[in-house]
């Protein structure tokens, strides 16, 4: 029996991070739930054991059910008939297994039927599911929409809808439209309040909606007549049981074929307001998207893991010129860099999830009582860290997923181009990760302000460079310090020009320099604690990152303002 959790010791390493004790304390509120729920933990050790056991179940289901179904789902795919979606048979089996195991609504409070998991073990489950089948992760992982409903819905809405999610019903977020992709301010789906029906009525079309025939939808719609920007948009809850929404078609996609991407037609669909009017995009979608981006980062890490595993297994088995191809330096170098990128992106993923955990837990506590001054300060600190790290991990996690999937095919050679090998599907599945929920270019736009304000460099210098390491890591630590210093000089060089066009042009390079340095530091921390798991990757990645930083610095240093004309394509 395969288990995708226990066969990857790196996961348990990240689950046992020292910050988890504080996260559990915040999440469990002195373990008050143990008096009401027999499955609630009694102390920290009990909580960690609970996470471990549930992740074992996730790993077992993924290894024995989801992964074996993935190829069949990719070929069969979902179909649309009479305005409804019918999942592939393997997808339905996957959903049945995860529902039966109680793996829906994992992060929701126990009073709604959830497991009250912090974000970190939930994201770890998403990492595991994505390794098994990235397309299924898009269905199972949309339960994180419940976080937004929990954060902004009223108590009645929470009780009615979150209990259903925890019982296994699916969700979707209906944001994009034919003329509003990344530019969500242009959303025009109309929301009109009906005095007669005592509810809002939604009319219009949504496009590219993942799991568009879900049971419960969060819908961005224009509630303020005559408006054309984000201030006229509100968030609504649509219940499929109410009717009024049909699936016009399912998109014919390159990858993640088990996940139905739908075009939806709303015709007087009854819905209810979530939160306040006019805050749909400005507040609620921003929170929703941050959660989604963390989920896509986990999806990228899961795909990277699958790609590395496939490449490693093939390289050990495939023989050429009388020996296994893993013995050839060119192949060994590719595999070592794949593993380093995987470990680095996973380190950034769980660093980010821990930041999210702390600020979200304090936000939740603030609904029950006034935060103490030090708690407010901590909430503010970790909210800023979460906001700054989320675009980094979404960008780097998805880009590395694509790179590892590419290299996986290369290791397979001509066989990798054939559909009977898993790597061909991984390559197609990976491609979307750097596009949806905000392209890598949009993540750069989100991250660049943390570059220019010094937020990333401050975190590197104040939180990472001050840590103690074993003496054998001195060379790597010095390389990281040099990288940060050089990144700082390059940032200052660009900022001092006060040329916005120049800043926009080199923004990706500046963001990547900070990302490489941060990921190198995180991987060095992992190597210091568990050298048997991470020392090789730390050596490989930091040297790779050093070369990438030098490349970007050379470009920026030699770039003259008159060169801007060469990059204007219009």
Protein backbone atom coordinates (compact mmCIF):
# COMPACT_ATOMS: atom_id res chain seq x y z
CA UNK A 1 0.00 0.00 0.00
CA UNK A 2 1.38 3.39 -1.04
CA UNK A 3 1.27 6.32 1.36
CA UNK A 4 2.16 9.74 -0.02
CA UNK A 5 2.66 11.20 3.45
CA UNK A 6 4.82 8.62 5.19
CA UNK A 7 7.03 8.09 2.11
CA UNK A 8 8.02 11.79 2.17
CA UNK A 9 9.83 12.51 5.47
CA UNK A 10 10.29 16.15 4.45
CA UNK A 11 6.60 16.71 5.20
CA UNK A 12 6.83 15.57 8.80
CA UNK A 13 9.90 17.78 9.19
CA UNK A 14 7.89 20.85 8.23
CA UNK A 15 4.93 19.80 10.36
CA UNK A 16 7.18 19.67 13.43
CA UNK A 17 8.46 23.25 13.07
CA UNK A 18 8.87 24.97 16.50
CA UNK A 19 6.34 27.67 15.58
CA UNK A 20 3.62 25.01 15.45
CA UNK A 21 3.34 25.06 19.24
CA UNK A 22 2.29 28.70 19.20
CA UNK A 23 -0.01 28.10 16.23
CA UNK A 24 -1.77 25.23 18.00
CA UNK A 25 -2.18 27.27 21.18
CA UNK A 26 -3.80 30.10 19.25
CA UNK A 27 -6.00 27.78 17.19
CA UNK A 28 -7.20 25.65 20.11
CA UNK A 29 -7.88 28.45 22.65
CA UNK A 30 -6.54 26.52 25.66
CA UNK A 31 -8.04 23.33 24.22
CA UNK A 32 -11.55 24.33 25.27
CA UNK A 33 -13.15 22.08 22.65
CA UNK A 34 -12.11 18.92 24.51
CA UNK A 35 -15.12 19.41 26.80
CA UNK A 36 -17.54 19.45 23.83
CA UNK A 37 -16.06 17.15 21.18
CA UNK A 38 -14.58 13.74 21.83
CA UNK A 39 -12.17 14.10 18.88
CA UNK A 40 -10.76 17.46 20.05
CA UNK A 41 -7.16 17.37 21.34
CA UNK A 42 -6.38 17.70 25.04
CA UNK A 43 -2.93 19.29 24.60
CA UNK A 44 -0.29 20.22 22.04
CA UNK A 45 1.10 16.70 21.67
CA UNK A 46 -2.40 15.35 21.17
CA UNK A 47 -3.10 17.96 18.49
CA UNK A 48 0.13 17.18 16.61
CA UNK A 49 -0.61 13.46 16.80
CA UNK A 50 -4.06 14.19 15.37
CA UNK A 51 -2.59 16.12 12.43
CA UNK A 52 -0.10 13.33 11.82
CA UNK A 53 -2.77 10.61 11.80
CA UNK A 54 -5.11 12.55 9.50
CA UNK A 55 -2.26 13.26 7.08
CA UNK A 56 -1.51 9.54 7.09
CA UNK A 57 -5.10 8.95 5.99
CA UNK A 58 -4.72 11.60 3.28
CA UNK A 59 -1.48 9.96 2.16
CA UNK A 60 -3.07 6.52 2.05
CA UNK A 61 -6.13 7.65 0.06
CA UNK A 62 -3.88 9.53 -2.37
CA UNK A 63 -1.50 6.61 -2.81
CA UNK A 64 -4.12 3.89 -3.12
CA UNK A 65 -7.06 5.66 -4.78
CA UNK A 66 -6.42 9.16 -6.17
CA UNK A 67 -3.09 8.49 -7.91
CA UNK A 68 -4.18 5.18 -9.51
CA UNK A 69 -7.31 6.95 -10.81
CA UNK A 70 -5.43 9.94 -12.25
CA UNK A 71 -4.65 8.50 -15.68
CA UNK A 72 -8.21 7.30 -16.26
CA UNK A 73 -9.62 10.65 -15.15
CA UNK A 74 -7.27 12.45 -17.54
CA UNK A 75 -8.60 10.39 -20.46
CA UNK A 76 -12.27 10.31 -19.46
CA UNK A 77 -12.73 13.82 -18.08
CA UNK A 78 -16.02 15.39 -16.98
CA UNK A 79 -18.95 15.89 -19.36
CA UNK A 80 -21.73 18.48 -19.56
CA UNK A 81 -25.32 17.33 -20.13
CA UNK A 82 -28.52 19.32 -19.70
CA UNK A 83 -26.72 22.16 -18.00
CA UNK A 84 -25.06 19.97 -15.37
CA UNK A 85 -21.59 18.48 -14.89
CA UNK A 86 -20.98 14.78 -14.56
CA UNK A 87 -17.55 13.99 -13.11
CA UNK A 88 -15.31 11.27 -14.49
CA UNK A 89 -15.87 8.00 -12.66
CA UNK A 90 -12.44 8.19 -11.01
CA UNK A 91 -13.13 11.72 -9.79
CA UNK A 92 -16.37 10.59 -8.20
CA UNK A 93 -14.53 7.72 -6.50
CA UNK A 94 -11.94 10.20 -5.19
CA UNK A 95 -14.65 12.48 -3.80
CA UNK A 96 -16.45 9.56 -2.18
CA UNK A 97 -13.24 8.42 -0.49
CA UNK A 98 -12.30 11.85 0.86
CA UNK A 99 -15.86 12.50 2.06
CA UNK A 100 -16.05 9.14 3.80
CA UNK A 101 -12.74 9.88 5.52
CA UNK A 102 -14.05 13.25 6.78
CA UNK A 103 -11.48 15.27 4.84
CA UNK A 104 -13.81 18.09 3.80
CA UNK A 105 -13.90 21.30 5.82
CA UNK A 106 -10.59 20.42 7.46
CA UNK A 107 -9.82 23.95 8.67
CA UNK A 108 -13.36 24.76 9.79
CA UNK A 109 -14.28 24.95 13.51
CA UNK A 110 -15.64 21.80 15.09
CA UNK A 111 -19.02 23.40 15.78
CA UNK A 112 -19.65 23.25 12.02
CA UNK A 113 -18.39 19.69 11.75
CA UNK A 114 -14.83 20.55 10.74
CA UNK A 115 -11.50 19.35 12.13
CA UNK A 116 -10.33 22.83 13.22
CA UNK A 117 -6.97 22.26 11.54
CA UNK A 118 -4.54 25.15 11.19
CA UNK A 119 -3.70 26.20 7.64
CA UNK A 120 -0.31 24.44 7.71
CA UNK A 121 -1.49 20.81 7.99
CA UNK A 122 -4.38 21.60 5.61
CA UNK A 123 -1.93 22.97 3.02
CA UNK A 124 0.19 19.87 3.62
CA UNK A 125 -2.81 17.76 2.68
CA UNK A 126 -3.19 19.88 -0.48
CA UNK A 127 0.50 19.26 -1.26
CA UNK A 128 -0.11 15.49 -0.98
CA UNK A 129 -3.35 15.51 -3.01
CA UNK A 130 -1.66 17.55 -5.76
CA UNK A 131 1.13 15.01 -6.05
CA UNK A 132 -1.52 12.33 -6.63
CA UNK A 133 -3.64 14.32 -9.11
CA UNK A 134 -3.43 18.08 -9.55
CA UNK A 135 -6.85 18.11 -11.23
CA UNK A 136 -8.53 16.51 -8.23
CA UNK A 137 -6.85 19.03 -5.93
CA UNK A 138 -8.84 21.72 -7.74
CA UNK A 139 -12.08 20.11 -6.55
CA UNK A 140 -11.03 18.98 -3.10
CA UNK A 141 -8.98 22.12 -2.44
CA UNK A 142 -11.81 24.54 -3.17
CA UNK A 143 -13.03 23.85 0.34
CA UNK A 144 -10.70 26.72 1.23
CA UNK A 145 -13.46 29.02 -0.09
CA UNK A 146 -15.11 28.16 3.22
CA UNK A 147 -12.41 30.26 4.93
CA UNK A 148 -13.77 33.38 3.22
CA UNK A 149 -17.35 32.47 4.09
CA UNK A 150 -16.29 31.86 7.69
CA UNK A 151 -14.43 35.15 7.84
CA UNK A 152 -17.10 37.40 6.32
CA UNK A 153 -20.45 35.58 6.46
CA UNK A 154 -22.97 36.06 9.26
CA UNK A 155 -23.64 33.39 11.86
CA UNK A 156 -26.73 32.07 10.10
CA UNK A 157 -24.85 31.73 6.81
CA UNK A 158 -21.98 29.97 8.53
CA UNK A 159 -24.29 27.47 10.19
CA UNK A 160 -26.23 26.74 7.00
CA UNK A 161 -23.37 26.54 4.52
CA UNK A 162 -20.24 25.55 6.43
CA UNK A 163 -21.93 22.50 7.93
CA UNK A 164 -22.71 21.36 4.39
CA UNK A 165 -19.10 21.87 3.29
CA UNK A 166 -17.89 19.84 6.27
CA UNK A 167 -20.36 17.12 5.29
CA UNK A 168 -18.76 16.91 1.87
CA UNK A 169 -20.46 19.42 -0.43
CA UNK A 170 -18.23 21.20 -2.93
CA UNK A 171 -17.56 24.90 -3.51
CA UNK A 172 -16.50 27.24 -6.27
CA UNK A 173 -15.50 30.87 -6.58
CA UNK A 174 -17.19 32.54 -9.55
CA UNK A 175 -15.05 35.55 -10.37
CA UNK A 176 -13.90 35.77 -13.99
CA UNK A 177 -16.02 36.65 -17.01
CA UNK A 178 -15.47 36.70 -20.79
CA UNK A 179 -14.33 40.34 -20.58
CA UNK A 180 -12.92 40.27 -17.05
CA UNK A 181 -10.04 37.87 -16.45
CA UNK A 182 -7.24 39.33 -14.33
CA UNK A 183 -9.03 42.72 -14.46
CA UNK A 184 -11.77 41.87 -11.97
CA UNK A 185 -12.79 45.52 -11.71
CA UNK A 186 -14.50 44.96 -15.08
CA UNK A 187 -16.88 42.28 -13.74
CA UNK A 188 -20.42 43.03 -14.98
CA UNK A 189 -22.53 40.08 -13.74
CA UNK A 190 -25.56 41.99 -12.48
CA UNK A 191 -26.94 41.69 -8.95
CA UNK A 192 -30.37 43.23 -8.33
CA UNK A 193 -32.25 43.14 -5.07
CA UNK A 194 -35.81 41.83 -5.47
CA UNK A 195 -38.26 43.09 -2.86
CA UNK A 196 -40.75 40.51 -4.12
CA UNK A 197 -38.42 37.56 -3.61
CA UNK A 198 -36.63 39.01 -0.59
CA UNK A 199 -33.25 38.19 -2.07
CA UNK A 200 -30.71 39.22 -4.70
CA UNK A 201 -31.06 38.02 -8.29
CA UNK A 202 -27.96 37.39 -10.39
CA UNK A 203 -27.91 37.68 -14.18
CA UNK A 204 -25.01 37.29 -16.61
CA UNK A 205 -22.17 34.98 -17.59
CA UNK A 206 -19.11 33.70 -15.78
CA UNK A 207 -16.23 31.98 -17.55
CA UNK A 208 -13.26 29.79 -16.56
CA UNK A 209 -14.97 28.76 -13.32
CA UNK A 210 -13.22 25.83 -11.67
CA UNK A 211 -15.72 23.21 -10.48
CA UNK A 212 -18.47 25.48 -11.84
CA UNK A 213 -21.32 23.08 -10.99
CA UNK A 214 -20.41 23.06 -7.29
CA UNK A 215 -23.00 22.93 -4.53
CA UNK A 216 -22.14 26.32 -3.02
CA UNK A 217 -20.69 29.29 -4.95
CA UNK A 218 -19.06 32.54 -3.88
CA UNK A 219 -19.94 35.00 -6.65
CA UNK A 220 -18.50 38.42 -7.46
CA UNK A 221 -21.23 40.60 -8.99
CA UNK A 222 -22.03 44.25 -9.66
CA UNK A 223 -24.61 45.40 -7.12
CA UNK A 224 -24.29 49.17 -7.68
CA UNK A 225 -26.01 50.26 -10.88
CA UNK A 226 -24.04 52.70 -13.03
CA UNK A 227 -20.63 51.80 -11.59
CA UNK A 228 -17.74 50.45 -13.65
CA UNK A 229 -14.98 49.83 -11.11
CA UNK A 230 -14.26 47.71 -8.05
CA UNK A 231 -16.30 49.93 -5.75
CA UNK A 232 -19.53 48.69 -7.31
CA UNK A 233 -18.88 44.99 -6.68
CA UNK A 234 -20.21 42.80 -3.88
CA UNK A 235 -19.82 39.15 -2.88
CA UNK A 236 -22.79 36.78 -2.97
CA UNK A 237 -23.51 33.22 -1.92
CA UNK A 238 -25.35 31.12 -4.48
CA UNK A 239 -26.82 27.76 -3.47
CA UNK A 240 -27.17 25.27 -6.33
CA UNK A 241 -30.36 23.97 -4.70
CA UNK A 242 -32.02 27.29 -5.56
CA UNK A 243 -31.53 26.80 -9.32
CA UNK A 244 -31.04 29.55 -11.88
CA UNK A 245 -27.49 28.72 -12.99
CA UNK A 246 -26.67 26.38 -15.86
CA UNK A 247 -23.37 25.13 -17.22
CA UNK A 248 -23.19 26.23 -20.86
CA UNK A 249 -20.04 24.24 -21.56
CA UNK A 250 -16.91 22.71 -20.10
CA UNK A 251 -13.64 24.07 -21.47
CA UNK A 252 -11.43 21.64 -23.41
CA UNK A 253 -8.16 22.16 -21.54
CA UNK A 254 -4.53 21.20 -21.96
CA UNK A 255 -4.28 19.72 -18.46
CA UNK A 256 -5.96 19.22 -15.06
CA UNK A 257 -8.70 17.56 -17.10
CA UNK A 258 -10.50 16.02 -14.13
CA UNK A 259 -11.37 19.50 -12.90
CA UNK A 260 -14.35 20.88 -14.88
CA UNK A 261 -13.67 24.46 -15.94
CA UNK A 262 -17.08 25.87 -16.79
CA UNK A 263 -18.89 28.68 -18.50
CA UNK A 264 -21.95 29.53 -16.39
CA UNK A 265 -25.14 31.32 -17.31
CA UNK A 266 -27.02 33.07 -14.50
CA UNK A 267 -30.73 33.74 -15.08
CA UNK A 268 -32.46 35.33 -12.10
CA UNK A 269 -30.42 33.09 -9.82
CA UNK A 270 -31.40 33.69 -6.20
CA UNK A 271 -28.47 34.60 -3.99
CA UNK A 272 -27.69 36.23 -0.66
CA UNK A 273 -25.20 38.94 0.18
CA UNK A 274 -22.01 37.91 1.95
CA UNK A 275 -20.77 40.73 4.18
CA UNK A 276 -21.43 44.30 3.09
CA UNK A 277 -22.12 45.71 -0.35
CA UNK A 278 -19.32 47.41 -2.32
CA UNK A 279 -16.58 45.40 -0.56
CA UNK A 280 -16.72 42.35 -2.82
CA UNK A 281 -13.49 43.01 -4.68
CA UNK A 282 -11.78 45.48 -2.37
CA UNK A 283 -11.91 43.24 0.70
CA UNK A 284 -13.48 39.81 0.23
CA UNK A 285 -11.97 38.70 -3.09
CA UNK A 286 -8.54 39.84 -1.95
CA UNK A 287 -8.83 37.52 1.06
CA UNK A 288 -10.23 34.76 -1.14
CA UNK A 289 -7.43 35.11 -3.68
CA UNK A 290 -4.68 35.04 -1.06
CA UNK A 291 -6.01 31.71 0.18
CA UNK A 292 -6.32 30.42 -3.38
CA UNK A 293 -2.77 31.48 -4.21
CA UNK A 294 -1.39 29.59 -1.24
CA UNK A 295 -3.36 26.57 -2.45
CA UNK A 296 -1.87 26.87 -5.97
CA UNK A 297 1.59 27.12 -4.43
CA UNK A 298 0.86 23.81 -2.66
CA UNK A 299 -0.36 22.39 -5.96
CA UNK A 300 2.92 23.42 -7.57
CA UNK A 301 4.95 21.77 -4.82
CA UNK A 302 2.90 18.57 -5.14
CA UNK A 303 3.49 18.49 -8.91
CA UNK A 304 7.21 19.15 -8.35
CA UNK A 305 7.32 16.18 -5.96
CA UNK A 306 5.57 13.92 -8.47
CA UNK A 307 7.87 15.06 -11.27
CA UNK A 308 11.01 14.47 -9.22
CA UNK A 309 9.81 11.03 -8.12
CA UNK A 310 9.02 9.99 -11.71
CA UNK A 311 12.36 11.28 -13.01
CA UNK A 312 14.36 9.64 -10.23
CA UNK A 313 12.66 6.27 -10.65
CA UNK A 314 13.15 6.30 -14.41
CA UNK A 315 16.79 7.38 -14.15
CA UNK A 316 17.53 4.49 -11.79
CA UNK A 317 15.77 1.97 -14.02
CA UNK A 318 16.73 3.11 -17.54
CA UNK A 319 20.04 1.71 -18.77
CA UNK A 320 22.11 3.09 -21.64
CA UNK A 321 25.67 2.17 -22.65
CA UNK A 322 25.69 -0.52 -19.99
CA UNK A 323 24.71 1.53 -16.94
CA UNK A 324 21.73 3.33 -15.38
CA UNK A 325 21.39 6.87 -16.73
CA UNK A 326 21.44 8.27 -13.17
CA UNK A 327 25.17 7.51 -13.23
CA UNK A 328 25.73 10.04 -16.03
CA UNK A 329 26.71 13.45 -14.57
CA UNK A 330 24.40 15.38 -16.90
CA UNK A 331 21.36 13.45 -15.62
CA UNK A 332 22.51 13.47 -11.99
CA UNK A 333 22.92 17.26 -12.15
CA UNK A 334 19.37 17.66 -13.45
CA UNK A 335 17.96 15.47 -10.69
CA UNK A 336 19.90 17.27 -7.96
CA UNK A 337 18.59 20.64 -9.13
CA UNK A 338 15.02 19.30 -9.38
CA UNK A 339 15.26 18.11 -5.78
CA UNK A 340 16.78 21.42 -4.65
CA UNK A 341 13.98 23.43 -6.30
CA UNK A 342 11.39 21.13 -4.76
CA UNK A 343 12.86 21.46 -1.27
CA UNK A 344 13.29 25.23 -1.59
CA UNK A 345 9.73 25.84 -2.80
CA UNK A 346 8.33 23.56 -0.09
CA UNK A 347 10.32 25.44 2.57
CA UNK A 348 8.83 28.74 1.33
CA UNK A 349 5.34 27.20 1.21
CA UNK A 350 5.33 26.19 4.86
CA UNK A 351 7.05 29.35 6.06
CA UNK A 352 4.20 31.26 4.40
CA UNK A 353 1.49 28.97 5.76
CA UNK A 354 2.80 29.46 9.30
CA UNK A 355 2.63 33.24 8.87
CA UNK A 356 -0.96 32.90 7.64
CA UNK A 357 -1.83 30.62 10.55
CA UNK A 358 -0.74 33.10 13.19
CA UNK A 359 -2.44 36.18 11.81
CA UNK A 360 -5.64 34.29 10.92
CA UNK A 361 -5.87 32.78 14.40
CA UNK A 362 -5.41 36.20 16.01
CA UNK A 363 -8.03 37.67 13.65
CA UNK A 364 -10.42 34.98 14.84
CA UNK A 365 -9.63 35.59 18.50
CA UNK A 366 -10.33 39.30 17.93
CA UNK A 367 -13.95 38.38 17.11
CA UNK A 368 -14.32 36.92 20.60
CA UNK A 369 -12.41 39.45 22.69
CA UNK A 370 -10.23 42.51 22.43
CA UNK A 371 -6.64 41.64 21.60
CA UNK A 372 -3.91 42.59 24.03
CA UNK A 373 -1.43 45.23 22.73
CA UNK A 374 1.28 42.61 22.13
CA UNK A 375 -1.25 40.41 20.33
CA UNK A 376 -2.27 43.28 18.05
CA UNK A 377 1.38 43.88 17.26
CA UNK A 378 1.90 40.21 16.50
CA UNK A 379 -1.21 40.12 14.33
CA UNK A 380 0.01 43.11 12.33
CA UNK A 381 3.51 41.66 11.94
CA UNK A 382 2.37 38.27 10.66
CA UNK A 383 -0.36 39.70 8.43
CA UNK A 384 2.32 41.76 6.68
CA UNK A 385 4.61 38.74 6.40
CA UNK A 386 1.79 36.62 4.99
CA UNK A 387 0.82 39.30 2.48
CA UNK A 388 4.42 39.71 1.31
CA UNK A 389 5.30 36.00 1.13
CA UNK A 390 2.11 34.82 -0.61
CA UNK A 391 2.96 36.28 -4.06
CA UNK A 392 6.51 34.97 -3.70
CA UNK A 393 5.46 31.39 -3.01
CA UNK A 394 2.73 31.40 -5.63
CA UNK A 395 5.17 32.64 -8.27
CA UNK A 396 8.18 30.52 -7.35
CA UNK A 397 6.19 27.39 -6.50
CA UNK A 398 4.38 27.43 -9.83
CA UNK A 399 7.45 28.33 -11.89
CA UNK A 400 9.46 25.51 -10.29
CA UNK A 401 6.57 23.10 -10.89
CA UNK A 402 6.80 23.92 -14.60
CA UNK A 403 10.58 23.62 -14.63
CA UNK A 404 10.58 20.29 -12.80
CA UNK A 405 7.86 18.88 -15.05
CA UNK A 406 9.92 19.97 -18.08
CA UNK A 407 13.07 18.36 -16.71
CA UNK A 408 11.16 15.20 -15.82
CA UNK A 409 10.30 14.72 -19.49
CA UNK A 410 13.91 15.45 -20.45
CA UNK A 411 15.17 12.73 -18.11
CA UNK A 412 12.74 10.31 -19.77
CA UNK A 413 13.98 11.26 -23.23
CA UNK A 414 11.73 10.19 -26.08
CA UNK A 415 9.63 8.07 -23.72
CA UNK A 416 8.63 11.21 -21.84
CA UNK A 417 6.84 12.45 -24.95
CA UNK A 418 4.57 9.42 -24.91
CA UNK A 419 1.25 9.35 -23.14
CA UNK A 420 1.89 6.03 -21.38
CA UNK A 421 4.31 7.82 -19.04
CA UNK A 422 3.01 9.93 -16.15
CA UNK A 423 5.44 12.77 -16.85
CA UNK A 424 3.50 13.78 -19.97
CA UNK A 425 0.39 14.46 -17.85
CA UNK A 426 2.42 16.25 -15.17
CA UNK A 427 3.85 18.57 -17.82
CA UNK A 428 0.35 19.52 -19.01
CA UNK A 429 -1.02 19.84 -15.47
CA UNK A 430 1.84 22.06 -14.32
CA UNK A 431 1.39 24.67 -17.02
CA UNK A 432 -1.72 26.30 -15.56
CA UNK A 433 -0.19 26.86 -12.12
CA UNK A 434 1.73 29.95 -13.22
CA UNK A 435 -1.39 31.35 -14.91
CA UNK A 436 -4.52 30.96 -12.79
CA UNK A 437 -5.27 32.75 -9.53
CA UNK A 438 -2.94 35.49 -10.77
CA UNK A 439 -0.17 34.99 -13.32
CA UNK A 440 3.48 35.09 -12.32
CA UNK A 441 3.56 38.59 -13.80
CA UNK A 442 0.75 39.70 -11.47
CA UNK A 443 2.58 38.11 -8.53
CA UNK A 444 5.55 40.28 -9.45
CA UNK A 445 3.30 43.35 -9.35
CA UNK A 446 2.07 42.28 -5.90
CA UNK A 447 5.57 41.55 -4.60
CA UNK A 448 7.58 44.49 -5.94
CA UNK A 449 6.39 46.93 -3.28
CA UNK A 450 7.86 44.65 -0.59
CA UNK A 451 11.12 44.78 -2.52
CA UNK A 452 11.27 48.56 -2.79
CA UNK A 453 10.15 49.18 0.82
CA UNK A 454 12.83 46.81 2.10
CA UNK A 455 10.37 44.35 3.69
CA UNK A 456 12.05 41.26 2.23
CA UNK A 457 15.57 42.40 3.03
CA UNK A 458 14.52 43.34 6.56
CA UNK A 459 13.13 39.83 7.08
CA UNK A 460 16.35 38.33 5.72
CA UNK A 461 18.61 40.46 7.90
CA UNK A 462 16.55 40.58 11.09
CA UNK A 463 15.05 37.08 11.15
CA UNK A 464 17.30 34.84 9.06
CA UNK A 465 20.88 36.15 9.14
CA UNK A 466 20.80 36.30 12.96
CA UNK A 467 20.16 32.56 13.35
CA UNK A 468 22.89 30.21 14.58
CA UNK A 469 24.14 27.47 12.24
CA UNK A 470 26.59 24.61 12.49
CA UNK A 471 30.08 25.74 11.47
CA UNK A 472 30.09 23.51 8.39
CA UNK A 473 27.42 25.78 6.89
CA UNK A 474 29.54 28.94 7.20
CA UNK A 475 30.34 29.03 3.48
CA UNK A 476 26.67 28.80 2.51
CA UNK A 477 25.69 31.38 5.10
CA UNK A 478 28.31 33.80 3.76
CA UNK A 479 27.05 33.26 0.23
CA UNK A 480 23.52 34.14 1.33
CA UNK A 481 24.70 37.30 3.07
CA UNK A 482 26.56 38.33 -0.06
CA UNK A 483 23.46 37.67 -2.15
CA UNK A 484 21.35 39.88 0.13
CA UNK A 485 23.92 42.68 0.01
CA UNK A 486 24.08 42.57 -3.78
CA UNK A 487 20.29 42.45 -4.08
CA UNK A 488 20.10 45.51 -1.82
CA UNK A 489 22.54 47.44 -4.01
CA UNK A 490 20.64 46.51 -7.18
CA UNK A 491 17.34 47.57 -5.61
CA UNK A 492 18.79 50.91 -4.55
CA UNK A 493 20.28 51.47 -8.01
CA UNK A 494 16.86 51.08 -9.62
CA UNK A 495 14.86 52.96 -6.99
CA UNK A 496 17.23 55.93 -7.07
CA UNK A 497 16.55 56.49 -10.78
CA UNK A 498 12.91 57.30 -9.90
CA UNK A 499 12.05 55.82 -13.29
CA UNK A 500 8.83 53.81 -12.97
CA UNK A 501 9.18 52.27 -16.43
CA UNK A 502 12.63 50.98 -15.56
CA UNK A 503 11.37 49.60 -12.24
CA UNK A 504 8.51 47.81 -14.01
CA UNK A 505 10.90 46.30 -16.55
CA UNK A 506 13.34 44.83 -14.00
CA UNK A 507 10.74 44.11 -11.28
CA UNK A 508 10.72 40.35 -11.90
CA UNK A 509 14.50 40.22 -11.56
CA UNK A 510 14.42 42.15 -8.27
CA UNK A 511 11.65 39.95 -6.88
CA UNK A 512 13.45 36.77 -7.90
CA UNK A 513 16.67 37.93 -6.24
CA UNK A 514 14.83 38.37 -2.95
CA UNK A 515 12.98 35.08 -3.42
CA UNK A 516 16.17 33.12 -4.11
CA UNK A 517 17.84 34.59 -1.05
CA UNK A 518 14.86 33.88 1.22
CA UNK A 519 14.48 30.33 -0.09
CA UNK A 520 18.18 29.73 0.35
CA UNK A 521 17.96 30.85 3.97
CA UNK A 522 14.94 28.65 4.66
CA UNK A 523 16.62 25.64 3.09
CA UNK A 524 19.75 26.31 5.14
CA UNK A 525 17.62 26.31 8.30
CA UNK A 526 16.19 22.96 7.24
CA UNK A 527 19.65 21.57 6.53
CA UNK A 528 20.88 22.72 9.93
CA UNK A 529 18.05 20.81 11.68
CA UNK A 530 17.87 17.77 9.39
CA UNK A 531 21.08 17.50 7.33
CA UNK A 532 20.21 13.95 6.25
CA UNK A 533 17.18 15.35 4.42
CA UNK A 534 18.28 18.76 3.22
CA UNK A 535 22.06 19.31 3.26
CA UNK A 536 22.57 18.28 -0.37
CA UNK A 537 19.68 20.44 -1.55
CA UNK A 538 20.95 23.41 0.44
CA UNK A 539 24.36 23.15 -1.21
CA UNK A 540 22.88 22.80 -4.68
CA UNK A 541 20.18 25.43 -4.34
CA UNK A 542 22.26 28.18 -2.76
CA UNK A 543 24.91 27.83 -5.47
CA UNK A 544 22.19 27.85 -8.13
CA UNK A 545 20.56 30.90 -6.50
CA UNK A 546 23.92 32.66 -6.28
CA UNK A 547 24.34 32.29 -10.04
CA UNK A 548 20.77 33.51 -10.68
CA UNK A 549 21.32 36.60 -8.52
CA UNK A 550 24.58 37.38 -10.34
CA UNK A 551 22.79 37.05 -13.69
CA UNK A 552 20.08 39.52 -12.67
CA UNK A 553 22.57 41.96 -11.16
CA UNK A 554 24.65 41.96 -14.35
CA UNK A 555 21.57 42.76 -16.42
CA UNK A 556 20.51 45.61 -14.11
CA UNK A 557 24.01 47.05 -13.72
CA UNK A 558 24.58 47.25 -17.46
CA UNK A 559 21.11 48.44 -18.28
CA UNK A 560 20.96 52.02 -19.48
CA UNK A 561 17.76 54.03 -19.58
CA UNK A 562 18.01 54.49 -23.35
CA UNK A 563 17.71 50.69 -23.65
CA UNK A 564 14.09 50.97 -22.58
CA UNK A 565 13.16 51.71 -26.18
CA UNK A 566 14.26 48.19 -27.15
CA UNK A 567 11.66 46.69 -24.82
CA UNK A 568 8.67 48.72 -25.98
CA UNK A 569 6.63 46.46 -28.23
CA UNK A 570 3.63 48.72 -28.86
